Amino acid sequence: MAAYQGAGRGLMTLVLKALQADVLRISDIYAREHNIDRSGDWALLKVQEELGELTAEHLRMSGRARGEADAGKLGDEAADVLGMLLIYCDRAGIDIEQAMQRKWLHWLEPRA
């Protein structure tokens, strides 16, 4: 299988790797300052927690939950999900770029 060669693939790799590195640094700082134990299933449980917060904000935005809808908060929660997913991938030894290639991006490759 040939690697996906879509527009900006190299740039996407650089941006994703840099983003992941920055998120990991920030997580280290935050954990140190707040004495957070990040052992065991911590990262996966945080992904689930943040996804729950994104879901709650989505429901507020669509009028299906109480509270004031806030598009900015929706974006913030989406960023939290992405950040925690990048942390989880690092801890689980997942190369997210390779996984995206296998699962999604191969669909954009020319068919024989």
PDB file of N, CA and C in Angstrom:
ATOM      1  N   MET A   1       0.851  -1.174   0.000  1.00  0.00           N
ATOM      2  CA  MET A   1       0.000   0.000   0.000  1.00  0.00           C
ATOM      3  C   MET A   1       0.897   1.238   0.000  1.00  0.00           C
ATOM      4  N   ALA A   2       0.652   2.107  -0.937  1.00  0.00           N
ATOM      5  CA  ALA A   2       1.414   3.361  -1.011  1.00  0.00           C
ATOM      6  C   ALA A   2       0.915   4.322   0.061  1.00  0.00           C
ATOM      7  N   ALA A   3       1.807   5.133   0.537  1.00  0.00           N
ATOM      8  CA  ALA A   3       1.432   6.126   1.549  1.00  0.00           C
ATOM      9  C   ALA A   3       0.624   7.243   0.913  1.00  0.00           C
ATOM     10  N   TYR A   4      -0.303   7.757   1.662  1.00  0.00           N
ATOM     11  CA  TYR A   4      -1.118   8.888   1.227  1.00  0.00           C
ATOM     12  C   TYR A   4      -0.221  10.063   0.891  1.00  0.00           C
ATOM     13  N   GLN A   5      -0.438  10.650  -0.269  1.00  0.00           N
ATOM     14  CA  GLN A   5       0.376  11.784  -0.714  1.00  0.00           C
ATOM     15  C   GLN A   5      -0.490  13.015  -0.954  1.00  0.00           C
ATOM     16  N   GLY A   6      -1.539  13.170  -0.178  1.00  0.00           N
ATOM     17  CA  GLY A   6      -2.442  14.301  -0.344  1.00  0.00           C
ATOM     18  C   GLY A   6      -1.761  15.633  -0.099  1.00  0.00           C
ATOM     19  N   ALA A   7      -2.470  16.676  -0.431  1.00  0.00           N
ATOM     20  CA  ALA A   7      -1.946  18.035  -0.286  1.00  0.00           C
ATOM     21  C   ALA A   7      -1.503  18.281   1.146  1.00  0.00           C
ATOM     22  N   GLY A   8      -0.261  18.686   1.285  1.00  0.00           N
ATOM     23  CA  GLY A   8       0.235  19.071   2.598  1.00  0.00           C
ATOM     24  C   GLY A   8       0.527  17.921   3.537  1.00  0.00           C
ATOM     25  N   ARG A   9       0.670  16.695   3.029  1.00  0.00           N
ATOM     26  CA  ARG A   9       0.897  15.553   3.921  1.00  0.00           C
ATOM     27  C   ARG A   9       2.116  15.771   4.794  1.00  0.00           C
ATOM     28  N   GLY A  10       3.226  16.191   4.194  1.00  0.00           N
ATOM     29  CA  GLY A  10       4.429  16.441   4.986  1.00  0.00           C
ATOM     30  C   GLY A  10       4.202  17.512   6.034  1.00  0.00           C
ATOM     31  N   LEU A  11       3.495  18.556   5.644  1.00  0.00           N
ATOM     32  CA  LEU A  11       3.176  19.631   6.578  1.00  0.00           C
ATOM     33  C   LEU A  11       2.271  19.117   7.686  1.00  0.00           C
ATOM     34  N   MET A  12       1.292  18.276   7.323  1.00  0.00           N
ATOM     35  CA  MET A  12       0.392  17.712   8.324  1.00  0.00           C
ATOM     36  C   MET A  12       1.183  16.927   9.363  1.00  0.00           C
ATOM     37  N   THR A  13       2.156  16.144   8.895  1.00  0.00           N
ATOM     38  CA  THR A  13       2.980  15.361   9.806  1.00  0.00           C
ATOM     39  C   THR A  13       3.736  16.267  10.758  1.00  0.00           C
ATOM     40  N   LEU A  14       4.366  17.301  10.222  1.00  0.00           N
ATOM     41  CA  LEU A  14       5.122  18.224  11.064  1.00  0.00           C
ATOM     42  C   LEU A  14       4.226  18.916  12.074  1.00  0.00           C
ATOM     43  N   VAL A  15       3.079  19.371  11.630  1.00  0.00           N
ATOM     44  CA  VAL A  15       2.159  20.083  12.519  1.00  0.00           C
ATOM     45  C   VAL A  15       1.624  19.139  13.590  1.00  0.00           C
ATOM     46  N   LEU A  16       1.226  17.941  13.208  1.00  0.00           N
ATOM     47  CA  LEU A  16       0.682  16.990  14.171  1.00  0.00           C
ATOM     48  C   LEU A  16       1.738  16.579  15.198  1.00  0.00           C
ATOM     49  N   LYS A  17       2.938  16.293  14.746  1.00  0.00           N
ATOM     50  CA  LYS A  17       4.019  15.909  15.669  1.00  0.00           C
ATOM     51  C   LYS A  17       4.363  17.068  16.611  1.00  0.00           C
ATOM     52  N   ALA A  18       4.420  18.286  16.085  1.00  0.00           N
ATOM     53  CA  ALA A  18       4.721  19.457  16.916  1.00  0.00           C
ATOM     54  C   ALA A  18       3.594  19.704  17.918  1.00  0.00           C
ATOM     55  N   LEU A  19       2.356  19.570  17.465  1.00  0.00           N
ATOM     56  CA  LEU A  19       1.214  19.745  18.353  1.00  0.00           C
ATOM     57  C   LEU A  19       1.256  18.713  19.476  1.00  0.00           C
ATOM     58  N   GLN A  20       1.518  17.462  19.124  1.00  0.00           N
ATOM     59  CA  GLN A  20       1.586  16.415  20.134  1.00  0.00           C
ATOM     60  C   GLN A  20       2.699  16.704  21.141  1.00  0.00           C
ATOM     61  N   ALA A  21       3.859  17.119  20.657  1.00  0.00           N
ATOM     62  CA  ALA A  21       4.981  17.433  21.554  1.00  0.00           C
ATOM     63  C   ALA A  21       4.617  18.572  22.505  1.00  0.00           C
ATOM     64  N   ASP A  22       3.968  19.609  21.990  1.00  0.00           N
ATOM     65  CA  ASP A  22       3.567  20.737  22.837  1.00  0.00           C
ATOM     66  C   ASP A  22       2.530  20.310  23.872  1.00  0.00           C
ATOM     67  N   VAL A  23       1.556  19.518  23.445  1.00  0.00           N
ATOM     68  CA  VAL A  23       0.520  19.042  24.366  1.00  0.00           C
ATOM     69  C   VAL A  23       1.148  18.201  25.479  1.00  0.00           C
ATOM     70  N   LEU A  24       2.098  17.354  25.123  1.00  0.00           N
ATOM     71  CA  LEU A  24       2.771  16.531  26.133  1.00  0.00           C
ATOM     72  C   LEU A  24       3.537  17.394  27.136  1.00  0.00           C
ATOM     73  N   ARG A  25       4.208  18.424  26.648  1.00  0.00           N
ATOM     74  CA  ARG A  25       4.929  19.336  27.545  1.00  0.00           C
ATOM     75  C   ARG A  25       3.965  20.043  28.493  1.00  0.00           C
ATOM     76  N   ILE A  26       2.865  20.529  27.946  1.00  0.00           N
ATOM     77  CA  ILE A  26       1.865  21.226  28.762  1.00  0.00           C
ATOM     78  C   ILE A  26       1.283  20.279  29.808  1.00  0.00           C
ATOM     79  N   SER A  27       1.002  19.041  29.412  1.00  0.00           N
ATOM     80  CA  SER A  27       0.473  18.051  30.347  1.00  0.00           C
ATOM     81  C   SER A  27       1.459  17.793  31.483  1.00  0.00           C
ATOM     82  N   ASP A  28       2.749  17.711  31.149  1.00  0.00           N
ATOM     83  CA  ASP A  28       3.775  17.519  32.180  1.00  0.00           C
ATOM     84  C   ASP A  28       3.779  18.681  33.170  1.00  0.00           C
ATOM     85  N   ILE A  29       3.723  19.890  32.653  1.00  0.00           N
ATOM     86  CA  ILE A  29       3.726  21.083  33.506  1.00  0.00           C
ATOM     87  C   ILE A  29       2.491  21.098  34.403  1.00  0.00           C
ATOM     88  N   TYR A  30       1.314  20.871  33.807  1.00  0.00           N
ATOM     89  CA  TYR A  30       0.055  20.901  34.550  1.00  0.00           C
ATOM     90  C   TYR A  30       0.045  19.831  35.648  1.00  0.00           C
ATOM     91  N   ALA A  31       0.488  18.626  35.303  1.00  0.00           N
ATOM     92  CA  ALA A  31       0.504  17.530  36.280  1.00  0.00           C
ATOM     93  C   ALA A  31       1.447  17.843  37.434  1.00  0.00           C
ATOM     94  N   ARG A  32       2.586  18.412  37.111  1.00  0.00           N
ATOM     95  CA  ARG A  32       3.559  18.763  38.151  1.00  0.00           C
ATOM     96  C   ARG A  32       2.992  19.848  39.076  1.00  0.00           C
ATOM     97  N   GLU A  33       2.393  20.890  38.494  1.00  0.00           N
ATOM     98  CA  GLU A  33       1.863  22.003  39.293  1.00  0.00           C
ATOM     99  C   GLU A  33       0.664  21.607  40.145  1.00  0.00           C
ATOM    100  N   HIS A  34      -0.113  20.614  39.679  1.00  0.00           N
ATOM    101  CA  HIS A  34      -1.341  20.226  40.385  1.00  0.00           C
ATOM    102  C   HIS A  34      -1.237  18.845  41.032  1.00  0.00           C
ATOM    103  N   ASN A  35      -0.016  18.288  41.037  1.00  0.00           N
ATOM    104  CA  ASN A  35       0.236  16.998  41.677  1.00  0.00           C
ATOM    105  C   ASN A  35      -0.729  15.915  41.187  1.00  0.00           C
ATOM    106  N   ILE A  36      -0.825  15.762  39.885  1.00  0.00           N
ATOM    107  CA  ILE A  36      -1.740  14.793  39.282  1.00  0.00           C
ATOM    108  C   ILE A  36      -0.989  13.498  38.982  1.00  0.00           C
ATOM    109  N   ASP A  37      -1.555  12.390  39.447  1.00  0.00           N
ATOM    110  CA  ASP A  37      -1.007  11.063  39.167  1.00  0.00           C
ATOM    111  C   ASP A  37      -1.538  10.614  37.806  1.00  0.00           C
ATOM    112  N   ARG A  38      -0.652  10.497  36.839  1.00  0.00           N
ATOM    113  CA  ARG A  38      -1.065  10.140  35.478  1.00  0.00           C
ATOM    114  C   ARG A  38      -0.713   8.693  35.143  1.00  0.00           C
ATOM    115  N   SER A  39      -0.760   7.816  36.126  1.00  0.00           N
ATOM    116  CA  SER A  39      -0.412   6.420  35.890  1.00  0.00           C
ATOM    117  C   SER A  39      -1.623   5.630  35.401  1.00  0.00           C
ATOM    118  N   GLY A  40      -1.360   4.396  35.004  1.00  0.00           N
ATOM    119  CA  GLY A  40      -2.426   3.472  34.622  1.00  0.00           C
ATOM    120  C   GLY A  40      -3.271   3.968  33.468  1.00  0.00           C
ATOM    121  N   ASP A  41      -4.571   3.948  33.684  1.00  0.00           N
ATOM    122  CA  ASP A  41      -5.544   4.288  32.644  1.00  0.00           C
ATOM    123  C   ASP A  41      -5.863   5.777  32.583  1.00  0.00           C
ATOM    124  N   TRP A  42      -5.101   6.597  33.268  1.00  0.00           N
ATOM    125  CA  TRP A  42      -5.401   8.025  33.376  1.00  0.00           C
ATOM    126  C   TRP A  42      -5.716   8.663  32.029  1.00  0.00           C
ATOM    127  N   ALA A  43      -4.859   8.470  31.029  1.00  0.00           N
ATOM    128  CA  ALA A  43      -5.043   9.166  29.750  1.00  0.00           C
ATOM    129  C   ALA A  43      -6.337   8.740  29.063  1.00  0.00           C
ATOM    130  N   LEU A  44      -6.622   7.445  29.062  1.00  0.00           N
ATOM    131  CA  LEU A  44      -7.850   6.981  28.417  1.00  0.00           C
ATOM    132  C   LEU A  44      -9.082   7.484  29.161  1.00  0.00           C
ATOM    133  N   LEU A  45      -9.028   7.463  30.470  1.00  0.00           N
ATOM    134  CA  LEU A  45     -10.161   7.972  31.251  1.00  0.00           C
ATOM    135  C   LEU A  45     -10.365   9.465  31.020  1.00  0.00           C
ATOM    136  N   LYS A  46      -9.279  10.210  30.834  1.00  0.00           N
ATOM    137  CA  LYS A  46      -9.396  11.640  30.536  1.00  0.00           C
ATOM    138  C   LYS A  46      -9.991  11.864  29.147  1.00  0.00           C
ATOM    139  N   VAL A  47      -9.647  11.024  28.177  1.00  0.00           N
ATOM    140  CA  VAL A  47     -10.273  11.133  26.851  1.00  0.00           C
ATOM    141  C   VAL A  47     -11.781  10.987  27.013  1.00  0.00           C
ATOM    142  N   GLN A  48     -12.202   9.977  27.774  1.00  0.00           N
ATOM    143  CA  GLN A  48     -13.625   9.735  27.994  1.00  0.00           C
ATOM    144  C   GLN A  48     -14.283  10.913  28.711  1.00  0.00           C
ATOM    145  N   GLU A  49     -13.627  11.446  29.725  1.00  0.00           N
ATOM    146  CA  GLU A  49     -14.163  12.599  30.458  1.00  0.00           C
ATOM    147  C   GLU A  49     -14.351  13.792  29.524  1.00  0.00           C
ATOM    148  N   GLU A  50     -13.326  14.082  28.739  1.00  0.00           N
ATOM    149  CA  GLU A  50     -13.402  15.235  27.834  1.00  0.00           C
ATOM    150  C   GLU A  50     -14.442  15.016  26.745  1.00  0.00           C
ATOM    151  N   LEU A  51     -14.594  13.782  26.278  1.00  0.00           N
ATOM    152  CA  LEU A  51     -15.631  13.489  25.289  1.00  0.00           C
ATOM    153  C   LEU A  51     -17.017  13.711  25.890  1.00  0.00           C
ATOM    154  N   GLY A  52     -17.178  13.364  27.153  1.00  0.00           N
ATOM    155  CA  GLY A  52     -18.440  13.631  27.841  1.00  0.00           C
ATOM    156  C   GLY A  52     -18.732  15.122  27.928  1.00  0.00           C
ATOM    157  N   GLU A  53     -17.697  15.917  28.200  1.00  0.00           N
ATOM    158  CA  GLU A  53     -17.877  17.369  28.261  1.00  0.00           C
ATOM    159  C   GLU A  53     -18.194  17.940  26.884  1.00  0.00           C
ATOM    160  N   LEU A  54     -17.574  17.408  25.842  1.00  0.00           N
ATOM    161  CA  LEU A  54     -17.892  17.834  24.473  1.00  0.00           C
ATOM    162  C   LEU A  54     -19.336  17.483  24.129  1.00  0.00           C
ATOM    163  N   THR A  55     -19.754  16.290  24.513  1.00  0.00           N
ATOM    164  CA  THR A  55     -21.130  15.857  24.259  1.00  0.00           C
ATOM    165  C   THR A  55     -22.125  16.767  24.968  1.00  0.00           C
ATOM    166  N   ALA A  56     -21.855  17.106  26.213  1.00  0.00           N
ATOM    167  CA  ALA A  56     -22.750  17.987  26.968  1.00  0.00           C
ATOM    168  C   ALA A  56     -22.858  19.349  26.300  1.00  0.00           C
ATOM    169  N   GLU A  57     -21.738  19.886  25.847  1.00  0.00           N
ATOM    170  CA  GLU A  57     -21.768  21.196  25.189  1.00  0.00           C
ATOM    171  C   GLU A  57     -22.494  21.107  23.850  1.00  0.00           C
ATOM    172  N   HIS A  58     -22.292  20.018  23.123  1.00  0.00           N
ATOM    173  CA  HIS A  58     -23.006  19.804  21.860  1.00  0.00           C
ATOM    174  C   HIS A  58     -24.520  19.786  22.108  1.00  0.00           C
ATOM    175  N   LEU A  59     -24.934  19.091  23.148  1.00  0.00           N
ATOM    176  CA  LEU A  59     -26.361  19.028  23.464  1.00  0.00           C
ATOM    177  C   LEU A  59     -26.905  20.399  23.850  1.00  0.00           C
ATOM    178  N   ARG A  60     -26.125  21.212  24.569  1.00  0.00           N
ATOM    179  CA  ARG A  60     -26.560  22.580  24.872  1.00  0.00           C
ATOM    180  C   ARG A  60     -26.696  23.391  23.584  1.00  0.00           C
ATOM    181  N   MET A  61     -25.734  23.237  22.683  1.00  0.00           N
ATOM    182  CA  MET A  61     -25.765  23.982  21.416  1.00  0.00           C
ATOM    183  C   MET A  61     -26.983  23.601  20.574  1.00  0.00           C
ATOM    184  N   SER A  62     -27.421  22.360  20.676  1.00  0.00           N
ATOM    185  CA  SER A  62     -28.561  21.906  19.876  1.00  0.00           C
ATOM    186  C   SER A  62     -29.881  22.023  20.628  1.00  0.00           C
ATOM    187  N   GLY A  63     -29.858  22.651  21.807  1.00  0.00           N
ATOM    188  CA  GLY A  63     -31.082  22.881  22.568  1.00  0.00           C
ATOM    189  C   GLY A  63     -31.610  21.648  23.278  1.00  0.00           C
ATOM    190  N   ARG A  64     -30.799  20.620  23.427  1.00  0.00           N
ATOM    191  CA  ARG A  64     -31.259  19.386  24.059  1.00  0.00           C
ATOM    192  C   ARG A  64     -30.702  19.185  25.459  1.00  0.00           C
ATOM    193  N   ALA A  65     -30.102  20.232  26.016  1.00  0.00           N
ATOM    194  CA  ALA A  65     -29.619  20.174  27.402  1.00  0.00           C
ATOM    195  C   ALA A  65     -29.758  21.555  28.016  1.00  0.00           C
ATOM    196  N   ARG A  66     -29.864  21.579  29.330  1.00  0.00           N
ATOM    197  CA  ARG A  66     -29.996  22.846  30.039  1.00  0.00           C
ATOM    198  C   ARG A  66     -28.694  23.614  30.021  1.00  0.00           C
ATOM    199  N   GLY A  67     -28.818  24.907  30.178  1.00  0.00           N
ATOM    200  CA  GLY A  67     -27.646  25.771  30.235  1.00  0.00           C
ATOM    201  C   GLY A  67     -27.507  26.575  28.959  1.00  0.00           C
ATOM    202  N   GLU A  68     -26.688  27.587  29.059  1.00  0.00           N
ATOM    203  CA  GLU A  68     -26.488  28.490  27.928  1.00  0.00           C
ATOM    204  C   GLU A  68     -25.498  27.890  26.937  1.00  0.00           C
ATOM    205  N   ALA A  69     -25.900  27.871  25.677  1.00  0.00           N
ATOM    206  CA  ALA A  69     -25.029  27.373  24.614  1.00  0.00           C
ATOM    207  C   ALA A  69     -23.895  28.367  24.380  1.00  0.00           C
ATOM    208  N   ASP A  70     -22.716  27.843  24.122  1.00  0.00           N
ATOM    209  CA  ASP A  70     -21.546  28.690  23.918  1.00  0.00           C
ATOM    210  C   ASP A  70     -20.640  28.017  22.890  1.00  0.00           C
ATOM    211  N   ALA A  71     -20.607  28.576  21.681  1.00  0.00           N
ATOM    212  CA  ALA A  71     -19.802  27.991  20.605  1.00  0.00           C
ATOM    213  C   ALA A  71     -18.324  27.954  20.968  1.00  0.00           C
ATOM    214  N   GLY A  72     -17.853  28.933  21.707  1.00  0.00           N
ATOM    215  CA  GLY A  72     -16.458  28.940  22.144  1.00  0.00           C
ATOM    216  C   GLY A  72     -16.145  27.762  23.048  1.00  0.00           C
ATOM    217  N   LYS A  73     -17.080  27.455  23.963  1.00  0.00           N
ATOM    218  CA  LYS A  73     -16.884  26.313  24.855  1.00  0.00           C
ATOM    219  C   LYS A  73     -16.908  25.008  24.072  1.00  0.00           C
ATOM    220  N   LEU A  74     -17.741  24.939  23.035  1.00  0.00           N
ATOM    221  CA  LEU A  74     -17.778  23.740  22.194  1.00  0.00           C
ATOM    222  C   LEU A  74     -16.403  23.507  21.574  1.00  0.00           C
ATOM    223  N   GLY A  75     -15.810  24.554  21.043  1.00  0.00           N
ATOM    224  CA  GLY A  75     -14.468  24.448  20.476  1.00  0.00           C
ATOM    225  C   GLY A  75     -13.429  24.079  21.518  1.00  0.00           C
ATOM    226  N   ASP A  76     -13.546  24.660  22.713  1.00  0.00           N
ATOM    227  CA  ASP A  76     -12.610  24.344  23.794  1.00  0.00           C
ATOM    228  C   ASP A  76     -12.684  22.868  24.171  1.00  0.00           C
ATOM    229  N   GLU A  77     -13.892  22.341  24.234  1.00  0.00           N
ATOM    230  CA  GLU A  77     -14.052  20.925  24.590  1.00  0.00           C
ATOM    231  C   GLU A  77     -13.514  20.022  23.483  1.00  0.00           C
ATOM    232  N   ALA A  78     -13.715  20.417  22.224  1.00  0.00           N
ATOM    233  CA  ALA A  78     -13.146  19.642  21.115  1.00  0.00           C
ATOM    234  C   ALA A  78     -11.619  19.638  21.210  1.00  0.00           C
ATOM    235  N   ALA A  79     -11.038  20.781  21.564  1.00  0.00           N
ATOM    236  CA  ALA A  79      -9.583  20.865  21.738  1.00  0.00           C
ATOM    237  C   ALA A  79      -9.120  19.970  22.886  1.00  0.00           C
ATOM    238  N   ASP A  80      -9.895  19.905  23.961  1.00  0.00           N
ATOM    239  CA  ASP A  80      -9.542  19.025  25.078  1.00  0.00           C
ATOM    240  C   ASP A  80      -9.545  17.558  24.651  1.00  0.00           C
ATOM    241  N   VAL A  81     -10.544  17.170  23.854  1.00  0.00           N
ATOM    242  CA  VAL A  81     -10.601  15.786  23.361  1.00  0.00           C
ATOM    243  C   VAL A  81      -9.368  15.482  22.517  1.00  0.00           C
ATOM    244  N   LEU A  82      -9.045  16.381  21.592  1.00  0.00           N
ATOM    245  CA  LEU A  82      -7.883  16.166  20.731  1.00  0.00           C
ATOM    246  C   LEU A  82      -6.594  16.110  21.551  1.00  0.00           C
ATOM    247  N   GLY A  83      -6.436  17.035  22.474  1.00  0.00           N
ATOM    248  CA  GLY A  83      -5.239  17.052  23.305  1.00  0.00           C
ATOM    249  C   GLY A  83      -5.080  15.768  24.097  1.00  0.00           C
ATOM    250  N   MET A  84      -6.150  15.328  24.733  1.00  0.00           N
ATOM    251  CA  MET A  84      -6.064  14.102  25.526  1.00  0.00           C
ATOM    252  C   MET A  84      -5.872  12.883  24.634  1.00  0.00           C
ATOM    253  N   LEU A  85      -6.430  12.892  23.440  1.00  0.00           N
ATOM    254  CA  LEU A  85      -6.213  11.779  22.513  1.00  0.00           C
ATOM    255  C   LEU A  85      -4.746  11.708  22.098  1.00  0.00           C
ATOM    256  N   LEU A  86      -4.129  12.853  21.859  1.00  0.00           N
ATOM    257  CA  LEU A  86      -2.706  12.872  21.512  1.00  0.00           C
ATOM    258  C   LEU A  86      -1.856  12.348  22.673  1.00  0.00           C
ATOM    259  N   ILE A  87      -2.226  12.697  23.893  1.00  0.00           N
ATOM    260  CA  ILE A  87      -1.516  12.181  25.068  1.00  0.00           C
ATOM    261  C   ILE A  87      -1.708  10.670  25.173  1.00  0.00           C
ATOM    262  N   TYR A  88      -2.950  10.222  25.004  1.00  0.00           N
ATOM    263  CA  TYR A  88      -3.225   8.784  25.064  1.00  0.00           C
ATOM    264  C   TYR A  88      -2.405   8.026  24.021  1.00  0.00           C
ATOM    265  N   CYS A  89      -2.385   8.534  22.795  1.00  0.00           N
ATOM    266  CA  CYS A  89      -1.632   7.867  21.724  1.00  0.00           C
ATOM    267  C   CYS A  89      -0.160   7.750  22.089  1.00  0.00           C
ATOM    268  N   ASP A  90       0.401   8.793  22.644  1.00  0.00           N
ATOM    269  CA  ASP A  90       1.803   8.749  23.053  1.00  0.00           C
ATOM    270  C   ASP A  90       2.020   7.671  24.108  1.00  0.00           C
ATOM    271  N   ARG A  91       1.169   7.638  25.114  1.00  0.00           N
ATOM    272  CA  ARG A  91       1.328   6.682  26.208  1.00  0.00           C
ATOM    273  C   ARG A  91       1.082   5.247  25.754  1.00  0.00           C
ATOM    274  N   ALA A  92       0.205   5.069  24.762  1.00  0.00           N
ATOM    275  CA  ALA A  92      -0.128   3.724  24.278  1.00  0.00           C
ATOM    276  C   ALA A  92       0.803   3.267  23.156  1.00  0.00           C
ATOM    277  N   GLY A  93       1.735   4.120  22.755  1.00  0.00           N
ATOM    278  CA  GLY A  93       2.658   3.760  21.686  1.00  0.00           C
ATOM    279  C   GLY A  93       2.023   3.757  20.307  1.00  0.00           C
ATOM    280  N   ILE A  94       0.992   4.556  20.132  1.00  0.00           N
ATOM    281  CA  ILE A  94       0.288   4.637  18.850  1.00  0.00           C
ATOM    282  C   ILE A  94       0.878   5.765  18.022  1.00  0.00           C
ATOM    283  N   ASP A  95       1.322   5.443  16.816  1.00  0.00           N
ATOM    284  CA  ASP A  95       1.723   6.474  15.858  1.00  0.00           C
ATOM    285  C   ASP A  95       0.446   6.892  15.139  1.00  0.00           C
ATOM    286  N   ILE A  96      -0.116   8.006  15.547  1.00  0.00           N
ATOM    287  CA  ILE A  96      -1.427   8.408  15.042  1.00  0.00           C
ATOM    288  C   ILE A  96      -1.404   8.685  13.547  1.00  0.00           C
ATOM    289  N   GLU A  97      -0.283   9.160  13.030  1.00  0.00           N
ATOM    290  CA  GLU A  97      -0.196   9.387  11.588  1.00  0.00           C
ATOM    291  C   GLU A  97      -0.312   8.066  10.835  1.00  0.00           C
ATOM    292  N   GLN A  98       0.407   7.049  11.271  1.00  0.00           N
ATOM    293  CA  GLN A  98       0.324   5.741  10.614  1.00  0.00           C
ATOM    294  C   GLN A  98      -1.074   5.152  10.755  1.00  0.00           C
ATOM    295  N   ALA A  99      -1.666   5.311  11.920  1.00  0.00           N
ATOM    296  CA  ALA A  99      -3.015   4.798  12.134  1.00  0.00           C
ATOM    297  C   ALA A  99      -4.023   5.499  11.223  1.00  0.00           C
ATOM    298  N   MET A 100      -3.880   6.807  11.051  1.00  0.00           N
ATOM    299  CA  MET A 100      -4.773   7.545  10.147  1.00  0.00           C
ATOM    300  C   MET A 100      -4.596   7.078   8.707  1.00  0.00           C
ATOM    301  N   GLN A 101      -3.358   6.798   8.328  1.00  0.00           N
ATOM    302  CA  GLN A 101      -3.093   6.291   6.984  1.00  0.00           C
ATOM    303  C   GLN A 101      -3.815   4.958   6.779  1.00  0.00           C
ATOM    304  N   ARG A 102      -3.663   4.048   7.730  1.00  0.00           N
ATOM    305  CA  ARG A 102      -4.286   2.723   7.603  1.00  0.00           C
ATOM    306  C   ARG A 102      -5.806   2.802   7.598  1.00  0.00           C
ATOM    307  N   LYS A 103      -6.359   3.625   8.453  1.00  0.00           N
ATOM    308  CA  LYS A 103      -7.808   3.613   8.672  1.00  0.00           C
ATOM    309  C   LYS A 103      -8.581   4.557   7.753  1.00  0.00           C
ATOM    310  N   TRP A 104      -8.020   5.723   7.445  1.00  0.00           N
ATOM    311  CA  TRP A 104      -8.760   6.753   6.722  1.00  0.00           C
ATOM    312  C   TRP A 104      -8.143   7.145   5.387  1.00  0.00           C
ATOM    313  N   LEU A 105      -6.900   7.559   5.411  1.00  0.00           N
ATOM    314  CA  LEU A 105      -6.310   8.237   4.256  1.00  0.00           C
ATOM    315  C   LEU A 105      -6.102   7.340   3.049  1.00  0.00           C
ATOM    316  N   HIS A 106      -6.030   6.035   3.264  1.00  0.00           N
ATOM    317  CA  HIS A 106      -5.860   5.129   2.124  1.00  0.00           C
ATOM    318  C   HIS A 106      -7.034   5.219   1.148  1.00  0.00           C
ATOM    319  N   TRP A 107      -8.173   5.698   1.598  1.00  0.00           N
ATOM    320  CA  TRP A 107      -9.342   5.838   0.727  1.00  0.00           C
ATOM    321  C   TRP A 107      -9.125   6.895  -0.354  1.00  0.00           C
ATOM    322  N   LEU A 108      -8.174   7.769  -0.158  1.00  0.00           N
ATOM    323  CA  LEU A 108      -7.891   8.813  -1.145  1.00  0.00           C
ATOM    324  C   LEU A 108      -6.852   8.380  -2.172  1.00  0.00           C
ATOM    325  N   GLU A 109      -6.300   7.188  -2.007  1.00  0.00           N
ATOM    326  CA  GLU A 109      -5.305   6.692  -2.957  1.00  0.00           C
ATOM    327  C   GLU A 109      -5.998   6.196  -4.218  1.00  0.00           C
ATOM    328  N   PRO A 110      -5.333   6.336  -5.364  1.00  0.00           N
ATOM    329  CA  PRO A 110      -5.917   5.844  -6.621  1.00  0.00           C
ATOM    330  C   PRO A 110      -6.160   4.341  -6.549  1.00  0.00           C
ATOM    331  N   ARG A 111      -7.267   3.909  -7.105  1.00  0.00           N
ATOM    332  CA  ARG A 111      -7.619   2.485  -7.154  1.00  0.00           C
ATOM    333  C   ARG A 111      -7.074   1.876  -8.438  1.00  0.00           C
ATOM    334  N   ALA A 112      -6.644   0.635  -8.353  1.00  0.00           N
ATOM    335  CA  ALA A 112      -6.114  -0.058  -9.544  1.00  0.00           C
ATOM    336  C   ALA A 112      -7.238  -0.558 -10.422  1.00  0.00           C
TER     337      ALA A 112
END
